[in-house]
Amino acid sequence: MPEDRARGSAVICHAHPRHGGSKDHPILWAVRNELAHRGFAVLAFNFRGTMGSGGTYGGGRTEVKDVAAAIGRVRIAASGPTVMAGWSFGANVGLREALEDERVSALALIALPLASPKDVDVPELPTIAELRLLRRPVLVLAGDADAYCPADALERFATDLPNARVEILAGTDHYLWRREKEAARIVGEFAEALLDAPS
């Protein structure tokens, strides 16, 4: 929770549970703290079956229900806009939930997997037609050395989103190593603009 009254809410979705992903990662800590500092009630959670969380891993398909439940829970804590911020696998899952979930005012997709290795099961992304219907603000952010989210592929992906902003951080990879605070600041500025927008 922010120190003052929460003016909005945010949900943070983590990386792949089968490859070490959980809510406890430096990039997600940085984003959580930045959003709380900017006036958001933030819920970071573990997907089903991760680090003692109830349920079992659902291949990224049933995890959308976890995101929907998290959105419902955090909106009890604060009125105002709700931001979905997802990293890697969490960006994929969060994006698919947000397509249908009008409670999500904006999305911050960090290191969205566009070139996953064959041994990592990440559900297919929405179709171009589905993406073009998503008119809410979307931030897509990645490092310039991200093997799973190449900058050129991310820029092409963003052209199918009507209201997208692309940020590529130089000198870092899929983990945003040593650029966590900078990435979090970009997400925070993007999210805070929602609080200042006319309703």
Protein backbone atom coordinates (compact mmCIF):
# COMPACT_ATOMS: atom_id res chain seq x y z
CA MET A 1 0.00 0.00 0.00
CA PRO A 2 1.16 3.56 -0.61
CA GLU A 3 1.93 5.79 2.36
CA ASP A 4 -1.02 8.05 1.50
CA ARG A 5 -4.46 7.12 0.19
CA ALA A 6 -4.32 4.73 -2.77
CA ARG A 7 -5.48 6.40 -5.98
CA GLY A 8 -5.34 3.28 -8.13
CA SER A 9 -4.45 -0.40 -8.05
CA ALA A 10 -2.01 -2.72 -9.77
CA VAL A 11 -1.50 -6.46 -10.19
CA ILE A 12 1.97 -7.92 -10.85
CA CYS A 13 2.33 -11.25 -12.67
CA HIS A 14 5.60 -13.18 -12.43
CA ALA A 15 7.78 -15.20 -14.81
CA HIS A 16 7.44 -18.90 -15.66
CA PRO A 17 6.77 -21.03 -12.54
CA ARG A 18 8.57 -24.04 -14.02
CA HIS A 19 11.73 -22.02 -14.66
CA GLY A 20 12.25 -20.28 -11.32
CA GLY A 21 9.57 -17.63 -11.64
CA SER A 22 7.83 -16.29 -8.55
CA LYS A 23 6.72 -12.96 -7.13
CA ASP A 24 10.08 -12.72 -5.35
CA HIS A 25 12.37 -11.38 -8.07
CA PRO A 26 14.33 -8.11 -8.18
CA ILE A 27 12.54 -6.65 -11.21
CA LEU A 28 9.15 -7.34 -9.65
CA TRP A 29 10.19 -5.94 -6.27
CA ALA A 30 11.34 -2.78 -8.03
CA VAL A 31 8.06 -2.43 -9.97
CA ARG A 32 5.97 -3.13 -6.85
CA ASN A 33 7.79 -0.51 -4.79
CA GLU A 34 7.70 2.07 -7.57
CA LEU A 35 3.96 1.69 -8.10
CA ALA A 36 3.22 1.87 -4.37
CA HIS A 37 5.38 4.99 -4.14
CA ARG A 38 3.28 6.55 -6.91
CA GLY A 39 -0.03 5.94 -5.17
CA PHE A 40 -1.09 2.42 -6.20
CA ALA A 41 -2.28 -0.43 -4.03
CA VAL A 42 -0.19 -3.28 -5.47
CA LEU A 43 -0.83 -7.01 -5.36
CA ALA A 44 2.08 -9.28 -6.28
CA PHE A 45 1.10 -12.92 -6.06
CA ASN A 46 2.34 -16.39 -6.95
CA PHE A 47 0.54 -18.29 -9.68
CA ARG A 48 -1.20 -21.54 -8.73
CA GLY A 49 1.20 -24.20 -7.50
CA THR A 50 4.14 -21.78 -7.13
CA MET A 51 6.06 -21.70 -3.82
CA GLY A 52 3.22 -23.18 -1.78
CA SER A 53 0.41 -21.35 -3.57
CA GLY A 54 -2.73 -23.49 -3.85
CA GLY A 55 -3.61 -25.41 -6.99
CA THR A 56 -1.39 -26.86 -9.70
CA TYR A 57 0.43 -25.38 -12.68
CA GLY A 58 -1.93 -24.98 -15.63
CA GLY A 59 0.42 -24.33 -18.55
CA GLY A 60 -0.45 -20.65 -18.65
CA ARG A 61 -4.06 -21.40 -19.55
CA THR A 62 -5.73 -21.65 -16.14
CA GLU A 63 -3.39 -18.98 -14.72
CA VAL A 64 -5.59 -16.33 -16.35
CA LYS A 65 -8.11 -17.15 -13.60
CA ASP A 66 -5.43 -16.27 -11.03
CA VAL A 67 -4.97 -12.87 -12.69
CA ALA A 68 -8.73 -12.27 -12.73
CA ALA A 69 -8.97 -13.12 -9.02
CA ALA A 70 -6.00 -10.87 -8.20
CA ILE A 71 -7.61 -7.97 -10.07
CA GLY A 72 -10.83 -8.45 -8.12
CA ARG A 73 -8.94 -8.57 -4.82
CA VAL A 74 -6.78 -5.49 -5.36
CA ARG A 75 -9.75 -3.42 -6.52
CA ILE A 76 -11.27 -3.94 -3.07
CA ALA A 77 -8.24 -2.13 -1.64
CA ALA A 78 -8.46 0.92 -3.91
CA SER A 79 -10.73 2.65 -6.37
CA GLY A 80 -9.40 4.32 -9.51
CA PRO A 81 -7.66 2.71 -12.49
CA THR A 82 -6.11 -0.76 -12.37
CA VAL A 83 -2.80 -1.51 -14.07
CA MET A 84 -1.70 -5.05 -14.96
CA ALA A 85 2.10 -5.38 -14.98
CA GLY A 86 3.53 -8.71 -16.13
CA TRP A 87 7.05 -9.93 -16.66
CA SER A 88 7.87 -12.69 -19.19
CA PHE A 89 5.35 -15.55 -18.76
CA GLY A 90 3.35 -13.19 -16.53
CA ALA A 91 3.13 -10.66 -19.38
CA ASN A 92 1.69 -13.37 -21.65
CA VAL A 93 -0.88 -14.48 -19.06
CA GLY A 94 -1.80 -10.94 -18.05
CA LEU A 95 -2.25 -9.82 -21.64
CA ARG A 96 -4.62 -12.69 -22.39
CA GLU A 97 -6.73 -11.91 -19.31
CA ALA A 98 -6.80 -8.17 -20.05
CA LEU A 99 -8.18 -8.68 -23.56
CA GLU A 100 -11.53 -9.63 -22.04
CA ASP A 101 -11.26 -7.90 -18.66
CA GLU A 102 -12.41 -4.28 -18.86
CA ARG A 103 -11.36 -3.74 -15.24
CA VAL A 104 -7.78 -3.42 -16.54
CA SER A 105 -7.17 0.21 -17.50
CA ALA A 106 -3.65 -0.30 -18.88
CA LEU A 107 -0.98 -2.95 -19.28
CA ALA A 108 2.78 -2.92 -18.75
CA LEU A 109 4.26 -5.92 -20.56
CA ILE A 110 7.88 -6.48 -19.51
CA ALA A 111 10.02 -8.86 -21.59
CA LEU A 112 6.99 -10.48 -23.24
CA PRO A 113 8.21 -13.82 -24.68
CA LEU A 114 8.12 -13.58 -28.46
CA ALA A 115 10.84 -16.17 -29.15
CA SER A 116 10.56 -18.81 -26.43
CA PRO A 117 12.82 -21.88 -26.51
CA LYS A 118 11.12 -25.17 -27.37
CA ASP A 119 11.40 -26.58 -23.84
CA VAL A 120 9.40 -23.68 -22.32
CA ASP A 121 5.63 -23.99 -22.66
CA VAL A 122 4.16 -20.52 -23.08
CA PRO A 123 0.67 -20.23 -24.57
CA GLU A 124 0.30 -18.61 -27.95
CA LEU A 125 -0.19 -14.88 -27.97
CA PRO A 126 -3.49 -13.36 -29.05
CA THR A 127 -4.10 -12.98 -32.76
CA ILE A 128 -3.41 -9.73 -34.59
CA ALA A 129 -7.17 -9.19 -34.85
CA GLU A 130 -7.53 -9.58 -31.07
CA LEU A 131 -4.61 -7.26 -30.37
CA ARG A 132 -6.06 -4.56 -32.60
CA LEU A 133 -9.19 -4.50 -30.45
CA LEU A 134 -7.16 -3.65 -27.35
CA ARG A 135 -7.45 0.15 -27.28
CA ARG A 136 -6.26 0.68 -23.71
CA PRO A 137 -2.71 2.01 -23.13
CA VAL A 138 0.00 -0.65 -23.35
CA LEU A 139 3.66 -0.26 -22.42
CA VAL A 140 5.99 -2.88 -23.91
CA LEU A 141 9.47 -2.88 -22.40
CA ALA A 142 12.52 -5.10 -22.87
CA GLY A 143 16.29 -5.10 -22.81
CA ASP A 144 18.17 -4.84 -26.08
CA ALA A 145 19.94 -8.17 -25.40
CA ASP A 146 16.77 -10.13 -24.54
CA ALA A 147 16.94 -13.46 -26.37
CA TYR A 148 13.25 -14.21 -25.65
CA CYS A 149 11.94 -10.74 -26.50
CA PRO A 150 14.14 -9.38 -29.33
CA ALA A 151 13.79 -5.62 -29.76
CA ASP A 152 12.89 -5.80 -33.46
CA ALA A 153 10.21 -8.44 -32.81
CA LEU A 154 8.81 -6.35 -29.95
CA GLU A 155 8.59 -3.26 -32.14
CA ARG A 156 6.74 -5.27 -34.80
CA PHE A 157 4.41 -6.70 -32.15
CA ALA A 158 3.61 -3.20 -30.89
CA THR A 159 2.42 -2.07 -34.34
CA ASP A 160 -0.64 -4.30 -33.86
CA LEU A 161 -1.59 -2.50 -30.63
CA PRO A 162 -3.52 0.73 -31.24
CA ASN A 163 -2.18 2.51 -28.14
CA ALA A 164 1.31 1.10 -27.50
CA ARG A 165 4.50 2.66 -26.23
CA VAL A 166 7.79 0.80 -26.78
CA GLU A 167 10.79 1.13 -24.44
CA ILE A 168 14.05 -0.72 -25.15
CA LEU A 169 16.71 -0.54 -22.43
CA ALA A 170 20.28 -0.73 -23.67
CA GLY A 171 22.80 -3.07 -22.11
CA THR A 172 20.50 -5.57 -20.42
CA ASP A 173 18.71 -8.84 -21.07
CA HIS A 174 15.51 -10.73 -20.24
CA TYR A 175 16.08 -10.22 -16.51
CA LEU A 176 16.66 -6.45 -16.81
CA TRP A 177 19.82 -7.12 -14.80
CA ARG A 178 21.19 -3.94 -13.18
CA ARG A 179 18.45 -1.90 -14.86
CA GLU A 180 15.60 -2.93 -12.55
CA LYS A 181 15.12 0.54 -11.04
CA GLU A 182 15.16 2.22 -14.44
CA ALA A 183 12.63 -0.27 -15.82
CA ALA A 184 10.46 0.22 -12.73
CA ARG A 185 10.62 4.00 -13.14
CA ILE A 186 9.39 3.70 -16.73
CA VAL A 187 6.51 1.47 -15.60
CA GLY A 188 5.74 3.87 -12.75
CA GLU A 189 5.61 6.93 -15.01
CA PHE A 190 3.38 5.07 -17.46
CA ALA A 191 1.01 4.01 -14.68
CA GLU A 192 0.96 7.37 -12.92
CA ALA A 193 -0.20 9.06 -16.13
CA LEU A 194 -3.45 7.13 -15.69
CA LEU A 195 -4.01 8.77 -12.31
CA ASP A 196 -3.59 12.21 -13.82
CA ALA A 197 -5.77 11.56 -16.89
CA PRO A 198 -9.25 13.09 -16.97
CA SER A 199 -11.93 10.53 -16.11
